[in-house]
Every structure is written in structure tokens, then in C-alpha cells.
């Protein structure tokens, strides 16, 4: 089976889904995961999502 459509959804997102993570302030990481932080829905990186999930 081919993997021709892998990452297709990221090409439609601005800058390929990359940007500045508001939690860790790293630039150029994929900010794809929507999380509620301080009553606001923001998109964060994978590492910050895992960190917040482990704190619960």
C-alpha cells in the first residue's frame, strides 16, 4: 500500500502547521493540538500536549 496522502491535511494549513507554541515558546514546531488553556482554546505542540496530559 502506498503512502501518497500522508501529511495532505498539513499542506492546507497555513505554513504547513508550523509556528510558535504559546506554552513553551519554541518556534518552527507543528502546533496542531487544540487545548483549552486559561479558558481559551489555543493550538499547542505535541510535547506540551503530552506534558499537560501527564500533569492531570
PDB file of N, CA and C in Angstrom:
ATOM      1  N   UNK A   1       0.840  -1.187   0.000  1.00  0.00           N
ATOM      2  CA  UNK A   1       0.000   0.000   0.000  1.00  0.00           C
ATOM      3  C   UNK A   1       0.882   1.245   0.000  1.00  0.00           C
ATOM      4  N   UNK A   2       0.478   2.210  -0.778  1.00  0.00           N
ATOM      5  CA  UNK A   2       1.271   3.431  -0.866  1.00  0.00           C
ATOM      6  C   UNK A   2       0.888   4.413   0.233  1.00  0.00           C
ATOM      7  N   UNK A   3       1.743   5.363   0.424  1.00  0.00           N
ATOM      8  CA  UNK A   3       1.521   6.386   1.455  1.00  0.00           C
ATOM      9  C   UNK A   3       1.484   7.760   0.795  1.00  0.00           C
ATOM     10  N   UNK A   4       0.733   7.864  -0.282  1.00  0.00           N
ATOM     11  CA  UNK A   4       0.717   9.081  -1.093  1.00  0.00           C
ATOM     12  C   UNK A   4       0.017  10.244  -0.404  1.00  0.00           C
ATOM     13  N   UNK A   5      -0.883   9.962   0.515  1.00  0.00           N
ATOM     14  CA  UNK A   5      -1.676  11.035   1.116  1.00  0.00           C
ATOM     15  C   UNK A   5      -1.201  11.408   2.516  1.00  0.00           C
ATOM     16  N   UNK A   6      -0.050  10.939   2.905  1.00  0.00           N
ATOM     17  CA  UNK A   6       0.455  11.245   4.244  1.00  0.00           C
ATOM     18  C   UNK A   6       0.812  12.727   4.341  1.00  0.00           C
ATOM     19  N   UNK A   7       0.258  13.422   5.315  1.00  0.00           N
ATOM     20  CA  UNK A   7       0.539  14.832   5.508  1.00  0.00           C
ATOM     21  C   UNK A   7      -0.259  15.749   4.602  1.00  0.00           C
ATOM     22  N   UNK A   8      -1.258  15.217   3.905  1.00  0.00           N
ATOM     23  CA  UNK A   8      -2.038  16.033   2.974  1.00  0.00           C
ATOM     24  C   UNK A   8      -2.776  17.153   3.701  1.00  0.00           C
ATOM     25  N   UNK A   9      -3.293  16.854   4.882  1.00  0.00           N
ATOM     26  CA  UNK A   9      -4.029  17.869   5.650  1.00  0.00           C
ATOM     27  C   UNK A   9      -3.150  19.011   6.121  1.00  0.00           C
ATOM     28  N   UNK A  10      -1.856  18.761   6.306  1.00  0.00           N
ATOM     29  CA  UNK A  10      -0.942  19.809   6.756  1.00  0.00           C
ATOM     30  C   UNK A  10      -0.615  20.794   5.650  1.00  0.00           C
ATOM     31  N   UNK A  11      -0.694  20.348   4.412  1.00  0.00           N
ATOM     32  CA  UNK A  11      -0.385  21.247   3.298  1.00  0.00           C
ATOM     33  C   UNK A  11      -1.447  22.323   3.145  1.00  0.00           C
ATOM     34  N   UNK A  12      -2.657  22.043   3.620  1.00  0.00           N
ATOM     35  CA  UNK A  12      -3.756  23.001   3.523  1.00  0.00           C
ATOM     36  C   UNK A  12      -3.716  24.038   4.640  1.00  0.00           C
ATOM     37  N   UNK A  13      -3.015  23.733   5.739  1.00  0.00           N
ATOM     38  CA  UNK A  13      -2.911  24.635   6.880  1.00  0.00           C
ATOM     39  C   UNK A  13      -1.822  25.665   6.594  1.00  0.00           C
ATOM     40  N   UNK A  14      -1.970  26.867   7.136  1.00  0.00           N
ATOM     41  CA  UNK A  14      -1.001  27.938   6.934  1.00  0.00           C
ATOM     42  C   UNK A  14       0.373  27.501   7.437  1.00  0.00           C
ATOM     43  N   UNK A  15       1.391  27.706   6.679  1.00  0.00           N
ATOM     44  CA  UNK A  15       2.788  27.367   6.980  1.00  0.00           C
ATOM     45  C   UNK A  15       2.982  25.885   7.272  1.00  0.00           C
ATOM     46  N   UNK A  16       2.136  25.049   6.756  1.00  0.00           N
ATOM     47  CA  UNK A  16       2.264  23.609   6.972  1.00  0.00           C
ATOM     48  C   UNK A  16       2.016  23.195   8.406  1.00  0.00           C
ATOM     49  N   UNK A  17       1.309  24.027   9.174  1.00  0.00           N
ATOM     50  CA  UNK A  17       1.016  23.716  10.571  1.00  0.00           C
ATOM     51  C   UNK A  17       2.112  24.123  11.532  1.00  0.00           C
ATOM     52  N   UNK A  18       3.144  24.755  11.022  1.00  0.00           N
ATOM     53  CA  UNK A  18       4.267  25.148  11.881  1.00  0.00           C
ATOM     54  C   UNK A  18       4.103  26.584  12.358  1.00  0.00           C
ATOM     55  N   UNK A  19       4.607  26.823  13.571  1.00  0.00           N
ATOM     56  CA  UNK A  19       4.522  28.160  14.126  1.00  0.00           C
ATOM     57  C   UNK A  19       5.147  28.215  15.507  1.00  0.00           C
ATOM     58  N   UNK A  20       4.686  29.146  16.315  1.00  0.00           N
ATOM     59  CA  UNK A  20       5.194  29.373  17.657  1.00  0.00           C
ATOM     60  C   UNK A  20       4.236  28.756  18.663  1.00  0.00           C
ATOM     61  N   UNK A  21       4.757  27.895  19.512  1.00  0.00           N
ATOM     62  CA  UNK A  21       3.937  27.289  20.564  1.00  0.00           C
ATOM     63  C   UNK A  21       3.794  28.313  21.696  1.00  0.00           C
ATOM     64  N   UNK A  22       2.556  28.635  22.097  1.00  0.00           N
ATOM     65  CA  UNK A  22       2.365  29.646  23.140  1.00  0.00           C
ATOM     66  C   UNK A  22       2.771  29.177  24.531  1.00  0.00           C
ATOM     67  N   UNK A  23       2.917  27.880  24.746  1.00  0.00           N
ATOM     68  CA  UNK A  23       3.258  27.363  26.072  1.00  0.00           C
ATOM     69  C   UNK A  23       4.765  27.348  26.285  1.00  0.00           C
ATOM     70  N   UNK A  24       5.503  26.749  25.346  1.00  0.00           N
ATOM     71  CA  UNK A  24       6.954  26.616  25.518  1.00  0.00           C
ATOM     72  C   UNK A  24       7.745  27.645  24.715  1.00  0.00           C
ATOM     73  N   UNK A  25       7.070  28.427  23.895  1.00  0.00           N
ATOM     74  CA  UNK A  25       7.678  29.497  23.090  1.00  0.00           C
ATOM     75  C   UNK A  25       8.746  29.006  22.123  1.00  0.00           C
ATOM     76  N   UNK A  26       8.609  27.775  21.640  1.00  0.00           N
ATOM     77  CA  UNK A  26       9.528  27.266  20.620  1.00  0.00           C
ATOM     78  C   UNK A  26       8.987  27.633  19.252  1.00  0.00           C
ATOM     79  N   UNK A  27       9.880  27.989  18.346  1.00  0.00           N
ATOM     80  CA  UNK A  27       9.485  28.389  17.001  1.00  0.00           C
ATOM     81  C   UNK A  27       9.720  27.248  16.026  1.00  0.00           C
ATOM     82  N   UNK A  28       8.905  27.198  14.984  1.00  0.00           N
ATOM     83  CA  UNK A  28       9.085  26.238  13.913  1.00  0.00           C
ATOM     84  C   UNK A  28       8.608  24.833  14.230  1.00  0.00           C
ATOM     85  N   UNK A  29       7.827  24.662  15.291  1.00  0.00           N
ATOM     86  CA  UNK A  29       7.291  23.344  15.623  1.00  0.00           C
ATOM     87  C   UNK A  29       5.862  23.263  15.119  1.00  0.00           C
ATOM     88  N   UNK A  30       5.376  22.049  14.933  1.00  0.00           N
ATOM     89  CA  UNK A  30       4.000  21.870  14.483  1.00  0.00           C
ATOM     90  C   UNK A  30       3.053  22.133  15.648  1.00  0.00           C
ATOM     91  N   UNK A  31       2.196  23.113  15.478  1.00  0.00           N
ATOM     92  CA  UNK A  31       1.200  23.448  16.501  1.00  0.00           C
ATOM     93  C   UNK A  31      -0.161  22.981  15.990  1.00  0.00           C
ATOM     94  N   UNK A  32      -0.485  21.740  16.274  1.00  0.00           N
ATOM     95  CA  UNK A  32      -1.662  21.103  15.706  1.00  0.00           C
ATOM     96  C   UNK A  32      -2.716  20.735  16.732  1.00  0.00           C
ATOM     97  N   UNK A  33      -2.344  20.678  17.990  1.00  0.00           N
ATOM     98  CA  UNK A  33      -3.231  20.133  19.008  1.00  0.00           C
ATOM     99  C   UNK A  33      -3.970  21.251  19.732  1.00  0.00           C
ATOM    100  N   UNK A  34      -5.300  21.208  19.651  1.00  0.00           N
ATOM    101  CA  UNK A  34      -6.123  22.232  20.276  1.00  0.00           C
ATOM    102  C   UNK A  34      -6.327  21.883  21.747  1.00  0.00           C
ATOM    103  N   UNK A  35      -6.025  22.840  22.622  1.00  0.00           N
ATOM    104  CA  UNK A  35      -6.117  22.624  24.059  1.00  0.00           C
ATOM    105  C   UNK A  35      -6.687  23.876  24.705  1.00  0.00           C
ATOM    106  N   UNK A  36      -7.453  23.699  25.768  1.00  0.00           N
ATOM    107  CA  UNK A  36      -8.004  24.842  26.479  1.00  0.00           C
ATOM    108  C   UNK A  36      -7.035  25.234  27.590  1.00  0.00           C
ATOM    109  N   UNK A  37      -6.500  26.441  27.484  1.00  0.00           N
ATOM    110  CA  UNK A  37      -5.545  26.959  28.456  1.00  0.00           C
ATOM    111  C   UNK A  37      -6.072  28.291  28.959  1.00  0.00           C
ATOM    112  N   UNK A  38      -6.304  28.382  30.260  1.00  0.00           N
ATOM    113  CA  UNK A  38      -6.817  29.589  30.907  1.00  0.00           C
ATOM    114  C   UNK A  38      -8.117  30.061  30.268  1.00  0.00           C
ATOM    115  N   UNK A  39      -8.986  29.127  29.937  1.00  0.00           N
ATOM    116  CA  UNK A  39     -10.288  29.461  29.367  1.00  0.00           C
ATOM    117  C   UNK A  39     -10.277  29.774  27.885  1.00  0.00           C
ATOM    118  N   UNK A  40      -9.129  29.692  27.238  1.00  0.00           N
ATOM    119  CA  UNK A  40      -9.010  29.975  25.803  1.00  0.00           C
ATOM    120  C   UNK A  40      -8.595  28.722  25.072  1.00  0.00           C
ATOM    121  N   UNK A  41      -9.162  28.483  23.896  1.00  0.00           N
ATOM    122  CA  UNK A  41      -8.728  27.363  23.067  1.00  0.00           C
ATOM    123  C   UNK A  41      -7.571  27.832  22.202  1.00  0.00           C
ATOM    124  N   UNK A  42      -6.436  27.204  22.391  1.00  0.00           N
ATOM    125  CA  UNK A  42      -5.252  27.532  21.604  1.00  0.00           C
ATOM    126  C   UNK A  42      -4.645  26.254  21.046  1.00  0.00           C
ATOM    127  N   UNK A  43      -3.847  26.401  20.011  1.00  0.00           N
ATOM    128  CA  UNK A  43      -3.162  25.253  19.416  1.00  0.00           C
ATOM    129  C   UNK A  43      -1.747  25.206  19.979  1.00  0.00           C
ATOM    130  N   UNK A  44      -1.367  24.009  20.454  1.00  0.00           N
ATOM    131  CA  UNK A  44      -0.054  23.824  21.072  1.00  0.00           C
ATOM    132  C   UNK A  44       0.681  22.675  20.389  1.00  0.00           C
ATOM    133  N   UNK A  45       1.962  22.519  20.728  1.00  0.00           N
ATOM    134  CA  UNK A  45       2.773  21.467  20.125  1.00  0.00           C
ATOM    135  C   UNK A  45       2.524  20.129  20.823  1.00  0.00           C
ATOM    136  N   UNK A  46       3.048  19.084  20.237  1.00  0.00           N
ATOM    137  CA  UNK A  46       2.840  17.722  20.719  1.00  0.00           C
ATOM    138  C   UNK A  46       3.452  17.510  22.109  1.00  0.00           C
ATOM    139  N   UNK A  47       4.620  18.072  22.347  1.00  0.00           N
ATOM    140  CA  UNK A  47       5.304  17.891  23.625  1.00  0.00           C
ATOM    141  C   UNK A  47       4.535  18.570  24.756  1.00  0.00           C
ATOM    142  N   UNK A  48       4.032  19.756  24.506  1.00  0.00           N
ATOM    143  CA  UNK A  48       3.259  20.470  25.530  1.00  0.00           C
ATOM    144  C   UNK A  48       1.937  19.767  25.790  1.00  0.00           C
ATOM    145  N   UNK A  49       1.340  19.186  24.766  1.00  0.00           N
ATOM    146  CA  UNK A  49       0.105  18.442  24.949  1.00  0.00           C
ATOM    147  C   UNK A  49       0.330  17.242  25.860  1.00  0.00           C
ATOM    148  N   UNK A  50       1.428  16.531  25.643  1.00  0.00           N
ATOM    149  CA  UNK A  50       1.748  15.370  26.469  1.00  0.00           C
ATOM    150  C   UNK A  50       2.059  15.785  27.904  1.00  0.00           C
ATOM    151  N   UNK A  51       2.743  16.913  28.063  1.00  0.00           N
ATOM    152  CA  UNK A  51       3.077  17.402  29.389  1.00  0.00           C
ATOM    153  C   UNK A  51       1.818  17.754  30.172  1.00  0.00           C
ATOM    154  N   UNK A  52       0.880  18.432  29.517  1.00  0.00           N
ATOM    155  CA  UNK A  52      -0.364  18.797  30.185  1.00  0.00           C
ATOM    156  C   UNK A  52      -1.203  17.567  30.523  1.00  0.00           C
ATOM    157  N   UNK A  53      -1.179  16.562  29.655  1.00  0.00           N
ATOM    158  CA  UNK A  53      -1.932  15.337  29.904  1.00  0.00           C
ATOM    159  C   UNK A  53      -1.344  14.552  31.062  1.00  0.00           C
ATOM    160  N   UNK A  54      -0.031  14.571  31.223  1.00  0.00           N
ATOM    161  CA  UNK A  54       0.616  13.843  32.314  1.00  0.00           C
ATOM    162  C   UNK A  54       0.444  14.531  33.662  1.00  0.00           C
ATOM    163  N   UNK A  55       0.212  15.839  33.658  1.00  0.00           N
ATOM    164  CA  UNK A  55       0.011  16.579  34.904  1.00  0.00           C
ATOM    165  C   UNK A  55      -1.341  16.284  35.541  1.00  0.00           C
ATOM    166  N   UNK A  56      -2.309  15.865  34.715  1.00  0.00           N
ATOM    167  CA  UNK A  56      -3.664  15.617  35.230  1.00  0.00           C
ATOM    168  C   UNK A  56      -3.732  14.415  36.108  1.00  0.00           C
TER     169      UNK A  56
END
